[in-house]
Amino acid sequence: MRACRLHSIWLAGLLACSSVRAADATLDTLAAAAPALDREVLSLALDARACAARDRDVGRRLAIIDYGRPSTEIRMWIFDVETGRLLHAEHVAHGRGSGGDLATAFSDVEGSHQSSLGLFATAETYIGENGYSLRLDGLEPGINGRARERLIVMHGADYVDPDQARRQGRLGRSWGCPAVRSAAARPVIDALKDGQVLFAYARDRAWLDGSAFLHCGAR
Protein backbone atom coordinates (compact mmCIF):
# COMPACT_ATOMS: atom_id res chain seq x y z
CA MET A 1 0.00 0.00 0.00
CA ARG A 2 2.79 2.42 0.95
CA ALA A 3 4.60 1.64 -2.30
CA CYS A 4 1.43 2.46 -4.26
CA ARG A 5 1.06 5.79 -2.47
CA LEU A 6 4.70 6.69 -3.10
CA HIS A 7 4.29 5.79 -6.77
CA SER A 8 1.17 7.98 -7.01
CA ILE A 9 2.99 10.91 -5.43
CA TRP A 10 5.96 10.42 -7.76
CA LEU A 11 3.66 10.23 -10.79
CA ALA A 12 1.75 13.37 -9.75
CA GLY A 13 5.02 15.23 -9.33
CA LEU A 14 6.24 14.05 -12.71
CA LEU A 15 3.03 15.18 -14.41
CA ALA A 16 3.20 18.55 -12.65
CA CYS A 17 6.79 19.08 -13.78
CA SER A 18 5.86 18.09 -17.32
CA SER A 19 2.96 20.57 -17.29
CA VAL A 20 5.23 23.36 -16.07
CA ARG A 21 7.79 22.60 -18.78
CA ALA A 22 5.08 22.66 -21.45
CA ALA A 23 3.75 25.99 -20.16
CA ASP A 24 7.25 27.47 -20.13
CA ALA A 25 7.84 26.24 -23.68
CA THR A 26 4.59 27.86 -24.85
CA LEU A 27 5.54 31.12 -23.16
CA ASP A 28 8.97 31.08 -24.80
CA THR A 29 7.52 30.31 -28.24
CA LEU A 30 4.89 33.05 -28.12
CA ALA A 31 7.33 35.57 -26.64
CA ALA A 32 9.70 34.92 -29.54
CA ALA A 33 6.85 35.40 -32.01
CA ALA A 34 5.89 38.78 -30.50
CA PRO A 35 9.00 40.35 -28.94
CA ALA A 36 7.28 43.73 -28.51
CA LEU A 37 4.73 42.18 -26.13
CA ASP A 38 5.77 42.41 -22.49
CA ARG A 39 6.66 38.88 -21.36
CA GLU A 40 5.01 39.39 -17.98
CA VAL A 41 1.73 40.37 -19.64
CA LEU A 42 1.96 37.35 -21.92
CA SER A 43 2.60 35.09 -18.94
CA LEU A 44 -0.44 36.46 -17.08
CA ALA A 45 -2.61 35.95 -20.17
CA LEU A 46 -1.52 32.34 -20.52
CA ASP A 47 -2.13 31.74 -16.81
CA ALA A 48 -5.64 33.22 -17.05
CA ARG A 49 -6.40 31.13 -20.15
CA ALA A 50 -5.16 27.95 -18.46
CA CYS A 51 -7.30 28.73 -15.42
CA ALA A 52 -10.39 29.24 -17.57
CA ALA A 53 -9.66 25.98 -19.39
CA ARG A 54 -10.43 24.07 -16.20
CA ASP A 55 -14.11 24.88 -16.62
CA ARG A 56 -14.68 25.71 -20.30
CA ASP A 57 -13.42 25.31 -23.84
CA VAL A 58 -11.02 28.19 -24.53
CA GLY A 59 -10.34 27.48 -28.20
CA ARG A 60 -6.88 27.66 -29.71
CA ARG A 61 -6.68 31.42 -30.32
CA LEU A 62 -5.67 33.99 -27.70
CA ALA A 63 -5.91 37.77 -28.06
CA ILE A 64 -3.98 39.99 -25.66
CA ILE A 65 -4.56 43.73 -25.27
CA ASP A 66 -2.03 45.67 -23.20
CA TYR A 67 -3.75 48.90 -22.19
CA GLY A 68 -0.58 49.82 -20.32
CA ARG A 69 0.86 50.88 -23.68
CA PRO A 70 -0.01 54.16 -25.42
CA SER A 71 -2.77 54.07 -28.00
CA THR A 72 -0.30 55.27 -30.63
CA GLU A 73 1.48 51.90 -30.41
CA ILE A 74 0.48 48.42 -31.45
CA ARG A 75 -1.00 46.87 -28.32
CA MET A 76 -3.09 43.89 -29.41
CA TRP A 77 -1.63 40.54 -30.40
CA ILE A 78 -3.52 37.44 -31.54
CA PHE A 79 -1.89 34.02 -31.32
CA ASP A 80 -2.65 30.49 -32.35
CA VAL A 81 -1.49 28.94 -29.10
CA GLU A 82 -1.36 25.40 -30.47
CA THR A 83 1.05 26.27 -33.30
CA GLY A 84 2.83 29.15 -31.56
CA ARG A 85 2.09 31.48 -34.48
CA LEU A 86 1.43 35.20 -34.19
CA LEU A 87 -1.60 35.85 -36.40
CA HIS A 88 -2.14 39.59 -35.96
CA ALA A 89 -0.52 42.58 -34.25
CA GLU A 90 -2.79 45.61 -34.28
CA HIS A 91 -3.62 49.03 -32.90
CA VAL A 92 -6.75 48.99 -30.75
CA ALA A 93 -8.87 51.78 -29.30
CA HIS A 94 -9.93 52.19 -25.70
CA GLY A 95 -13.00 53.92 -24.34
CA ARG A 96 -13.09 57.71 -24.24
CA GLY A 97 -13.90 57.53 -20.55
CA SER A 98 -10.69 55.60 -19.91
CA GLY A 99 -8.26 58.37 -20.81
CA GLY A 100 -6.41 60.12 -23.62
CA ASP A 101 -3.40 58.42 -25.16
CA LEU A 102 -3.05 56.21 -22.09
CA ALA A 103 -5.97 54.30 -20.61
CA THR A 104 -5.97 54.83 -16.86
CA ALA A 105 -9.58 54.21 -15.76
CA PHE A 106 -11.59 51.04 -16.29
CA SER A 107 -15.05 49.88 -15.31
CA ASP A 108 -18.00 47.64 -16.12
CA VAL A 109 -20.55 50.44 -15.64
CA GLU A 110 -23.14 51.23 -18.31
CA GLY A 111 -22.66 54.73 -19.70
CA SER A 112 -19.10 55.12 -18.41
CA HIS A 113 -17.64 54.77 -21.91
CA GLN A 114 -14.73 53.05 -20.22
CA SER A 115 -12.92 49.92 -21.30
CA SER A 116 -13.00 46.82 -19.13
CA LEU A 117 -10.10 44.61 -18.12
CA GLY A 118 -9.87 40.87 -17.60
CA LEU A 119 -10.69 37.71 -19.46
CA PHE A 120 -13.42 37.60 -22.13
CA ALA A 121 -14.84 34.79 -24.23
CA THR A 122 -15.52 35.65 -27.84
CA ALA A 123 -18.97 34.82 -29.17
CA GLU A 124 -20.97 35.31 -32.35
CA THR A 125 -20.48 37.82 -35.15
CA TYR A 126 -23.14 40.16 -36.52
CA ILE A 127 -23.54 43.15 -38.83
CA GLY A 128 -24.37 46.30 -36.87
CA GLU A 129 -23.94 50.07 -36.98
CA ASN A 130 -20.18 49.57 -37.10
CA GLY A 131 -20.30 46.84 -39.72
CA TYR A 132 -18.92 43.37 -39.10
CA SER A 133 -18.64 42.99 -35.31
CA LEU A 134 -17.84 40.40 -32.67
CA ARG A 135 -19.72 40.03 -29.40
CA LEU A 136 -17.72 39.53 -26.21
CA ASP A 137 -18.81 37.90 -22.97
CA GLY A 138 -16.96 39.04 -19.88
CA LEU A 139 -15.97 36.17 -17.60
CA GLU A 140 -15.19 38.26 -14.51
CA PRO A 141 -18.27 39.58 -12.66
CA GLY A 142 -17.76 43.11 -11.40
CA ILE A 143 -14.85 43.59 -13.80
CA ASN A 144 -16.24 42.85 -17.26
CA GLY A 145 -19.32 40.70 -16.63
CA ARG A 146 -21.72 43.22 -18.22
CA ALA A 147 -19.86 43.38 -21.52
CA ARG A 148 -22.73 41.96 -23.57
CA GLU A 149 -25.27 44.17 -21.81
CA ARG A 150 -23.04 47.23 -22.43
CA LEU A 151 -22.61 46.25 -26.10
CA ILE A 152 -18.84 46.00 -25.68
CA VAL A 153 -17.88 44.39 -28.97
CA MET A 154 -14.94 44.27 -31.33
CA HIS A 155 -15.51 46.19 -34.55
CA GLY A 156 -13.71 48.23 -37.16
CA ALA A 157 -13.61 52.03 -36.96
CA ASP A 158 -12.22 54.79 -39.16
CA TYR A 159 -10.92 56.59 -36.05
CA VAL A 160 -8.48 53.73 -35.44
CA ASP A 161 -5.96 55.36 -37.75
CA PRO A 162 -2.29 55.00 -36.72
CA ASP A 163 -1.16 57.86 -38.99
CA GLN A 164 -3.73 60.23 -37.53
CA ALA A 165 -2.79 59.04 -34.05
CA ARG A 166 0.82 60.06 -34.60
CA ARG A 167 -0.28 63.50 -35.77
CA GLN A 168 -2.72 64.19 -32.93
CA GLY A 169 -0.91 62.34 -30.16
CA ARG A 170 -3.51 59.63 -29.56
CA LEU A 171 -5.71 57.15 -31.35
CA GLY A 172 -9.41 57.83 -31.76
CA ARG A 173 -11.49 56.47 -28.90
CA SER A 174 -14.57 54.28 -28.65
CA TRP A 175 -17.44 54.05 -26.17
CA GLY A 176 -15.60 51.21 -24.44
CA CYS A 177 -15.20 48.78 -27.33
CA PRO A 178 -11.82 47.37 -28.42
CA ALA A 179 -12.16 48.82 -31.91
CA VAL A 180 -9.58 48.06 -34.60
CA ARG A 181 -8.68 49.43 -38.04
CA SER A 182 -11.52 49.05 -40.51
CA ALA A 183 -9.26 47.20 -42.96
CA ALA A 184 -8.23 44.73 -40.25
CA ALA A 185 -11.67 44.13 -38.73
CA ARG A 186 -12.78 41.12 -40.74
CA PRO A 187 -9.56 39.06 -40.57
CA VAL A 188 -9.09 39.89 -36.89
CA ILE A 189 -12.69 39.04 -36.00
CA ASP A 190 -12.64 35.86 -38.06
CA ALA A 191 -9.51 34.77 -36.18
CA LEU A 192 -11.21 35.31 -32.84
CA LYS A 193 -14.88 34.42 -33.25
CA ASP A 194 -16.77 31.52 -31.68
CA GLY A 195 -15.27 30.66 -28.32
CA GLN A 196 -11.72 31.94 -28.23
CA VAL A 197 -10.47 34.14 -25.37
CA LEU A 198 -9.32 37.74 -25.09
CA PHE A 199 -7.22 39.04 -22.19
CA ALA A 200 -7.25 42.79 -21.53
CA TYR A 201 -4.45 43.99 -19.25
CA ALA A 202 -3.48 47.14 -17.39
CA ARG A 203 -1.55 47.81 -14.20
CA ASP A 204 -4.72 47.99 -12.14
CA ARG A 205 -3.85 46.72 -8.68
CA ALA A 206 -7.40 45.91 -7.56
CA TRP A 207 -7.97 43.69 -10.60
CA LEU A 208 -4.50 42.11 -10.50
CA ASP A 209 -4.93 41.22 -6.83
CA GLY A 210 -8.55 40.10 -7.09
CA SER A 211 -9.01 38.34 -10.42
CA ALA A 212 -9.97 34.69 -9.95
CA PHE A 213 -8.26 33.84 -13.25
CA LEU A 214 -4.94 35.25 -12.02
CA HIS A 215 -5.17 33.38 -8.73
CA CYS A 216 -6.45 30.05 -9.94
CA GLY A 217 -5.31 28.10 -6.89
CA ALA A 218 -7.58 30.20 -4.69
CA ARG A 219 -10.72 29.55 -6.75
C-alpha atoms as a PDB file:
ATOM      1  CA  MET A   1       0.000   0.000   0.000  1.00  0.00           C
ATOM      2  CA  ARG A   2       2.792   2.421   0.953  1.00  0.00           C
ATOM      3  CA  ALA A   3       4.597   1.641  -2.296  1.00  0.00           C
ATOM      4  CA  CYS A   4       1.431   2.457  -4.260  1.00  0.00           C
ATOM      5  CA  ARG A   5       1.064   5.787  -2.467  1.00  0.00           C
ATOM      6  CA  LEU A   6       4.699   6.692  -3.104  1.00  0.00           C
ATOM      7  CA  HIS A   7       4.293   5.786  -6.768  1.00  0.00           C
ATOM      8  CA  SER A   8       1.165   7.976  -7.012  1.00  0.00           C
ATOM      9  CA  ILE A   9       2.994  10.909  -5.427  1.00  0.00           C
ATOM     10  CA  TRP A  10       5.961  10.417  -7.763  1.00  0.00           C
ATOM     11  CA  LEU A  11       3.664  10.232 -10.789  1.00  0.00           C
ATOM     12  CA  ALA A  12       1.748  13.369  -9.750  1.00  0.00           C
ATOM     13  CA  GLY A  13       5.018  15.228  -9.327  1.00  0.00           C
ATOM     14  CA  LEU A  14       6.241  14.049 -12.714  1.00  0.00           C
ATOM     15  CA  LEU A  15       3.032  15.183 -14.408  1.00  0.00           C
ATOM     16  CA  ALA A  16       3.203  18.552 -12.646  1.00  0.00           C
ATOM     17  CA  CYS A  17       6.790  19.085 -13.784  1.00  0.00           C
ATOM     18  CA  SER A  18       5.856  18.094 -17.319  1.00  0.00           C
ATOM     19  CA  SER A  19       2.962  20.569 -17.288  1.00  0.00           C
ATOM     20  CA  VAL A  20       5.232  23.360 -16.067  1.00  0.00           C
ATOM     21  CA  ARG A  21       7.793  22.598 -18.778  1.00  0.00           C
ATOM     22  CA  ALA A  22       5.076  22.660 -21.445  1.00  0.00           C
ATOM     23  CA  ALA A  23       3.752  25.989 -20.157  1.00  0.00           C
ATOM     24  CA  ASP A  24       7.254  27.468 -20.125  1.00  0.00           C
ATOM     25  CA  ALA A  25       7.838  26.245 -23.678  1.00  0.00           C
ATOM     26  CA  THR A  26       4.590  27.860 -24.854  1.00  0.00           C
ATOM     27  CA  LEU A  27       5.539  31.122 -23.164  1.00  0.00           C
ATOM     28  CA  ASP A  28       8.968  31.077 -24.801  1.00  0.00           C
ATOM     29  CA  THR A  29       7.519  30.310 -28.236  1.00  0.00           C
ATOM     30  CA  LEU A  30       4.886  33.054 -28.119  1.00  0.00           C
ATOM     31  CA  ALA A  31       7.329  35.566 -26.639  1.00  0.00           C
ATOM     32  CA  ALA A  32       9.703  34.925 -29.542  1.00  0.00           C
ATOM     33  CA  ALA A  33       6.850  35.400 -32.015  1.00  0.00           C
ATOM     34  CA  ALA A  34       5.890  38.779 -30.503  1.00  0.00           C
ATOM     35  CA  PRO A  35       9.004  40.354 -28.941  1.00  0.00           C
ATOM     36  CA  ALA A  36       7.278  43.731 -28.506  1.00  0.00           C
ATOM     37  CA  LEU A  37       4.727  42.181 -26.135  1.00  0.00           C
ATOM     38  CA  ASP A  38       5.766  42.405 -22.488  1.00  0.00           C
ATOM     39  CA  ARG A  39       6.664  38.882 -21.364  1.00  0.00           C
ATOM     40  CA  GLU A  40       5.008  39.385 -17.975  1.00  0.00           C
ATOM     41  CA  VAL A  41       1.727  40.370 -19.635  1.00  0.00           C
ATOM     42  CA  LEU A  42       1.960  37.350 -21.920  1.00  0.00           C
ATOM     43  CA  SER A  43       2.597  35.088 -18.940  1.00  0.00           C
ATOM     44  CA  LEU A  44      -0.437  36.461 -17.082  1.00  0.00           C
ATOM     45  CA  ALA A  45      -2.606  35.954 -20.170  1.00  0.00           C
ATOM     46  CA  LEU A  46      -1.516  32.344 -20.516  1.00  0.00           C
ATOM     47  CA  ASP A  47      -2.129  31.741 -16.806  1.00  0.00           C
ATOM     48  CA  ALA A  48      -5.636  33.218 -17.053  1.00  0.00           C
ATOM     49  CA  ARG A  49      -6.396  31.130 -20.146  1.00  0.00           C
ATOM     50  CA  ALA A  50      -5.163  27.949 -18.457  1.00  0.00           C
ATOM     51  CA  CYS A  51      -7.300  28.727 -15.416  1.00  0.00           C
ATOM     52  CA  ALA A  52     -10.390  29.236 -17.572  1.00  0.00           C
ATOM     53  CA  ALA A  53      -9.661  25.975 -19.395  1.00  0.00           C
ATOM     54  CA  ARG A  54     -10.427  24.068 -16.198  1.00  0.00           C
ATOM     55  CA  ASP A  55     -14.112  24.884 -16.623  1.00  0.00           C
ATOM     56  CA  ARG A  56     -14.677  25.706 -20.298  1.00  0.00           C
ATOM     57  CA  ASP A  57     -13.415  25.307 -23.840  1.00  0.00           C
ATOM     58  CA  VAL A  58     -11.024  28.190 -24.530  1.00  0.00           C
ATOM     59  CA  GLY A  59     -10.341  27.482 -28.202  1.00  0.00           C
ATOM     60  CA  ARG A  60      -6.879  27.658 -29.713  1.00  0.00           C
ATOM     61  CA  ARG A  61      -6.676  31.422 -30.316  1.00  0.00           C
ATOM     62  CA  LEU A  62      -5.667  33.991 -27.701  1.00  0.00           C
ATOM     63  CA  ALA A  63      -5.908  37.771 -28.057  1.00  0.00           C
ATOM     64  CA  ILE A  64      -3.982  39.994 -25.656  1.00  0.00           C
ATOM     65  CA  ILE A  65      -4.558  43.732 -25.273  1.00  0.00           C
ATOM     66  CA  ASP A  66      -2.035  45.668 -23.199  1.00  0.00           C
ATOM     67  CA  TYR A  67      -3.747  48.900 -22.186  1.00  0.00           C
ATOM     68  CA  GLY A  68      -0.577  49.825 -20.320  1.00  0.00           C
ATOM     69  CA  ARG A  69       0.863  50.880 -23.681  1.00  0.00           C
ATOM     70  CA  PRO A  70      -0.014  54.164 -25.416  1.00  0.00           C
ATOM     71  CA  SER A  71      -2.769  54.072 -28.000  1.00  0.00           C
ATOM     72  CA  THR A  72      -0.296  55.271 -30.630  1.00  0.00           C
ATOM     73  CA  GLU A  73       1.481  51.902 -30.408  1.00  0.00           C
ATOM     74  CA  ILE A  74       0.479  48.422 -31.453  1.00  0.00           C
ATOM     75  CA  ARG A  75      -1.002  46.869 -28.322  1.00  0.00           C
ATOM     76  CA  MET A  76      -3.085  43.888 -29.408  1.00  0.00           C
ATOM     77  CA  TRP A  77      -1.627  40.541 -30.402  1.00  0.00           C
ATOM     78  CA  ILE A  78      -3.515  37.442 -31.538  1.00  0.00           C
ATOM     79  CA  PHE A  79      -1.889  34.022 -31.325  1.00  0.00           C
ATOM     80  CA  ASP A  80      -2.654  30.494 -32.349  1.00  0.00           C
ATOM     81  CA  VAL A  81      -1.486  28.944 -29.099  1.00  0.00           C
ATOM     82  CA  GLU A  82      -1.357  25.399 -30.470  1.00  0.00           C
ATOM     83  CA  THR A  83       1.045  26.266 -33.298  1.00  0.00           C
ATOM     84  CA  GLY A  84       2.828  29.153 -31.565  1.00  0.00           C
ATOM     85  CA  ARG A  85       2.093  31.483 -34.476  1.00  0.00           C
ATOM     86  CA  LEU A  86       1.426  35.198 -34.192  1.00  0.00           C
ATOM     87  CA  LEU A  87      -1.601  35.848 -36.399  1.00  0.00           C
ATOM     88  CA  HIS A  88      -2.136  39.595 -35.962  1.00  0.00           C
ATOM     89  CA  ALA A  89      -0.518  42.578 -34.251  1.00  0.00           C
ATOM     90  CA  GLU A  90      -2.792  45.613 -34.278  1.00  0.00           C
ATOM     91  CA  HIS A  91      -3.625  49.028 -32.895  1.00  0.00           C
ATOM     92  CA  VAL A  92      -6.747  48.985 -30.750  1.00  0.00           C
ATOM     93  CA  ALA A  93      -8.869  51.779 -29.299  1.00  0.00           C
ATOM     94  CA  HIS A  94      -9.925  52.194 -25.701  1.00  0.00           C
ATOM     95  CA  GLY A  95     -12.995  53.923 -24.338  1.00  0.00           C
ATOM     96  CA  ARG A  96     -13.091  57.711 -24.242  1.00  0.00           C
ATOM     97  CA  GLY A  97     -13.903  57.531 -20.547  1.00  0.00           C
ATOM     98  CA  SER A  98     -10.691  55.599 -19.912  1.00  0.00           C
ATOM     99  CA  GLY A  99      -8.258  58.374 -20.811  1.00  0.00           C
ATOM    100  CA  GLY A 100      -6.413  60.119 -23.620  1.00  0.00           C
ATOM    101  CA  ASP A 101      -3.403  58.416 -25.160  1.00  0.00           C
ATOM    102  CA  LEU A 102      -3.048  56.205 -22.090  1.00  0.00           C
ATOM    103  CA  ALA A 103      -5.969  54.300 -20.611  1.00  0.00           C
ATOM    104  CA  THR A 104      -5.967  54.829 -16.862  1.00  0.00           C
ATOM    105  CA  ALA A 105      -9.579  54.209 -15.759  1.00  0.00           C
ATOM    106  CA  PHE A 106     -11.588  51.041 -16.287  1.00  0.00           C
ATOM    107  CA  SER A 107     -15.049  49.879 -15.312  1.00  0.00           C
ATOM    108  CA  ASP A 108     -17.999  47.644 -16.124  1.00  0.00           C
ATOM    109  CA  VAL A 109     -20.554  50.436 -15.639  1.00  0.00           C
ATOM    110  CA  GLU A 110     -23.144  51.233 -18.309  1.00  0.00           C
ATOM    111  CA  GLY A 111     -22.662  54.734 -19.701  1.00  0.00           C
ATOM    112  CA  SER A 112     -19.101  55.118 -18.405  1.00  0.00           C
ATOM    113  CA  HIS A 113     -17.645  54.771 -21.913  1.00  0.00           C
ATOM    114  CA  GLN A 114     -14.726  53.048 -20.219  1.00  0.00           C
ATOM    115  CA  SER A 115     -12.919  49.919 -21.299  1.00  0.00           C
ATOM    116  CA  SER A 116     -13.002  46.818 -19.128  1.00  0.00           C
ATOM    117  CA  LEU A 117     -10.098  44.608 -18.115  1.00  0.00           C
ATOM    118  CA  GLY A 118      -9.874  40.871 -17.596  1.00  0.00           C
ATOM    119  CA  LEU A 119     -10.692  37.707 -19.465  1.00  0.00           C
ATOM    120  CA  PHE A 120     -13.417  37.602 -22.126  1.00  0.00           C
ATOM    121  CA  ALA A 121     -14.843  34.792 -24.228  1.00  0.00           C
ATOM    122  CA  THR A 122     -15.517  35.647 -27.841  1.00  0.00           C
ATOM    123  CA  ALA A 123     -18.971  34.820 -29.170  1.00  0.00           C
ATOM    124  CA  GLU A 124     -20.971  35.311 -32.345  1.00  0.00           C
ATOM    125  CA  THR A 125     -20.482  37.819 -35.146  1.00  0.00           C
ATOM    126  CA  TYR A 126     -23.138  40.159 -36.519  1.00  0.00           C
ATOM    127  CA  ILE A 127     -23.540  43.145 -38.829  1.00  0.00           C
ATOM    128  CA  GLY A 128     -24.369  46.304 -36.873  1.00  0.00           C
ATOM    129  CA  GLU A 129     -23.937  50.069 -36.976  1.00  0.00           C
ATOM    130  CA  ASN A 130     -20.177  49.572 -37.097  1.00  0.00           C
ATOM    131  CA  GLY A 131     -20.298  46.836 -39.717  1.00  0.00           C
ATOM    132  CA  TYR A 132     -18.923  43.368 -39.097  1.00  0.00           C
ATOM    133  CA  SER A 133     -18.640  42.994 -35.306  1.00  0.00           C
ATOM    134  CA  LEU A 134     -17.845  40.395 -32.669  1.00  0.00           C
ATOM    135  CA  ARG A 135     -19.723  40.032 -29.398  1.00  0.00           C
ATOM    136  CA  LEU A 136     -17.715  39.534 -26.210  1.00  0.00           C
ATOM    137  CA  ASP A 137     -18.806  37.901 -22.974  1.00  0.00           C
ATOM    138  CA  GLY A 138     -16.959  39.038 -19.878  1.00  0.00           C
ATOM    139  CA  LEU A 139     -15.972  36.165 -17.595  1.00  0.00           C
ATOM    140  CA  GLU A 140     -15.194  38.257 -14.510  1.00  0.00           C
ATOM    141  CA  PRO A 141     -18.270  39.580 -12.657  1.00  0.00           C
ATOM    142  CA  GLY A 142     -17.760  43.106 -11.404  1.00  0.00           C
ATOM    143  CA  ILE A 143     -14.849  43.594 -13.796  1.00  0.00           C
ATOM    144  CA  ASN A 144     -16.240  42.854 -17.263  1.00  0.00           C
ATOM    145  CA  GLY A 145     -19.324  40.704 -16.628  1.00  0.00           C
ATOM    146  CA  ARG A 146     -21.717  43.216 -18.217  1.00  0.00           C
ATOM    147  CA  ALA A 147     -19.857  43.384 -21.523  1.00  0.00           C
ATOM    148  CA  ARG A 148     -22.728  41.962 -23.570  1.00  0.00           C
ATOM    149  CA  GLU A 149     -25.267  44.174 -21.810  1.00  0.00           C
ATOM    150  CA  ARG A 150     -23.044  47.229 -22.425  1.00  0.00           C
ATOM    151  CA  LEU A 151     -22.605  46.248 -26.095  1.00  0.00           C
ATOM    152  CA  ILE A 152     -18.835  46.001 -25.678  1.00  0.00           C
ATOM    153  CA  VAL A 153     -17.885  44.392 -28.971  1.00  0.00           C
ATOM    154  CA  MET A 154     -14.941  44.271 -31.329  1.00  0.00           C
ATOM    155  CA  HIS A 155     -15.512  46.195 -34.548  1.00  0.00           C
ATOM    156  CA  GLY A 156     -13.713  48.229 -37.158  1.00  0.00           C
ATOM    157  CA  ALA A 157     -13.615  52.029 -36.963  1.00  0.00           C
ATOM    158  CA  ASP A 158     -12.224  54.788 -39.159  1.00  0.00           C
ATOM    159  CA  TYR A 159     -10.916  56.586 -36.054  1.00  0.00           C
ATOM    160  CA  VAL A 160      -8.483  53.729 -35.441  1.00  0.00           C
ATOM    161  CA  ASP A 161      -5.957  55.364 -37.746  1.00  0.00           C
ATOM    162  CA  PRO A 162      -2.288  55.003 -36.722  1.00  0.00           C
ATOM    163  CA  ASP A 163      -1.165  57.861 -38.995  1.00  0.00           C
ATOM    164  CA  GLN A 164      -3.727  60.232 -37.535  1.00  0.00           C
ATOM    165  CA  ALA A 165      -2.789  59.044 -34.046  1.00  0.00           C
ATOM    166  CA  ARG A 166       0.819  60.061 -34.598  1.00  0.00           C
ATOM    167  CA  ARG A 167      -0.280  63.498 -35.771  1.00  0.00           C
ATOM    168  CA  GLN A 168      -2.721  64.190 -32.929  1.00  0.00           C
ATOM    169  CA  GLY A 169      -0.905  62.339 -30.163  1.00  0.00           C
ATOM    170  CA  ARG A 170      -3.507  59.626 -29.564  1.00  0.00           C
ATOM    171  CA  LEU A 171      -5.714  57.147 -31.350  1.00  0.00           C
ATOM    172  CA  GLY A 172      -9.406  57.834 -31.763  1.00  0.00           C
ATOM    173  CA  ARG A 173     -11.490  56.466 -28.904  1.00  0.00           C
ATOM    174  CA  SER A 174     -14.573  54.280 -28.648  1.00  0.00           C
ATOM    175  CA  TRP A 175     -17.438  54.045 -26.168  1.00  0.00           C
ATOM    176  CA  GLY A 176     -15.601  51.206 -24.445  1.00  0.00           C
ATOM    177  CA  CYS A 177     -15.196  48.775 -27.326  1.00  0.00           C
ATOM    178  CA  PRO A 178     -11.819  47.370 -28.417  1.00  0.00           C
ATOM    179  CA  ALA A 179     -12.165  48.824 -31.913  1.00  0.00           C
ATOM    180  CA  VAL A 180      -9.583  48.058 -34.604  1.00  0.00           C
ATOM    181  CA  ARG A 181      -8.676  49.431 -38.036  1.00  0.00           C
ATOM    182  CA  SER A 182     -11.522  49.050 -40.511  1.00  0.00           C
ATOM    183  CA  ALA A 183      -9.264  47.204 -42.956  1.00  0.00           C
ATOM    184  CA  ALA A 184      -8.232  44.727 -40.252  1.00  0.00           C
ATOM    185  CA  ALA A 185     -11.668  44.129 -38.732  1.00  0.00           C
ATOM    186  CA  ARG A 186     -12.782  41.121 -40.743  1.00  0.00           C
ATOM    187  CA  PRO A 187      -9.561  39.056 -40.567  1.00  0.00           C
ATOM    188  CA  VAL A 188      -9.094  39.887 -36.886  1.00  0.00           C
ATOM    189  CA  ILE A 189     -12.691  39.037 -35.996  1.00  0.00           C
ATOM    190  CA  ASP A 190     -12.637  35.855 -38.057  1.00  0.00           C
ATOM    191  CA  ALA A 191      -9.510  34.770 -36.185  1.00  0.00           C
ATOM    192  CA  LEU A 192     -11.215  35.306 -32.838  1.00  0.00           C
ATOM    193  CA  LYS A 193     -14.879  34.424 -33.245  1.00  0.00           C
ATOM    194  CA  ASP A 194     -16.766  31.521 -31.677  1.00  0.00           C
ATOM    195  CA  GLY A 195     -15.271  30.660 -28.318  1.00  0.00           C
ATOM    196  CA  GLN A 196     -11.723  31.944 -28.225  1.00  0.00           C
ATOM    197  CA  VAL A 197     -10.469  34.140 -25.365  1.00  0.00           C
ATOM    198  CA  LEU A 198      -9.323  37.738 -25.086  1.00  0.00           C
ATOM    199  CA  PHE A 199      -7.221  39.039 -22.187  1.00  0.00           C
ATOM    200  CA  ALA A 200      -7.245  42.795 -21.533  1.00  0.00           C
ATOM    201  CA  TYR A 201      -4.449  43.991 -19.253  1.00  0.00           C
ATOM    202  CA  ALA A 202      -3.478  47.141 -17.394  1.00  0.00           C
ATOM    203  CA  ARG A 203      -1.547  47.813 -14.200  1.00  0.00           C
ATOM    204  CA  ASP A 204      -4.715  47.990 -12.141  1.00  0.00           C
ATOM    205  CA  ARG A 205      -3.851  46.719  -8.677  1.00  0.00           C
ATOM    206  CA  ALA A 206      -7.403  45.905  -7.565  1.00  0.00           C
ATOM    207  CA  TRP A 207      -7.970  43.692 -10.598  1.00  0.00           C
ATOM    208  CA  LEU A 208      -4.495  42.113 -10.497  1.00  0.00           C
ATOM    209  CA  ASP A 209      -4.928  41.225  -6.831  1.00  0.00           C
ATOM    210  CA  GLY A 210      -8.550  40.103  -7.093  1.00  0.00           C
ATOM    211  CA  SER A 211      -9.006  38.341 -10.423  1.00  0.00           C
ATOM    212  CA  ALA A 212      -9.966  34.687  -9.954  1.00  0.00           C
ATOM    213  CA  PHE A 213      -8.261  33.843 -13.245  1.00  0.00           C
ATOM    214  CA  LEU A 214      -4.945  35.251 -12.022  1.00  0.00           C
ATOM    215  CA  HIS A 215      -5.173  33.382  -8.725  1.00  0.00           C
ATOM    216  CA  CYS A 216      -6.450  30.052  -9.940  1.00  0.00           C
ATOM    217  CA  GLY A 217      -5.309  28.098  -6.890  1.00  0.00           C
ATOM    218  CA  ALA A 218      -7.579  30.198  -4.689  1.00  0.00           C
ATOM    219  CA  ARG A 219     -10.718  29.549  -6.750  1.00  0.00           C
END
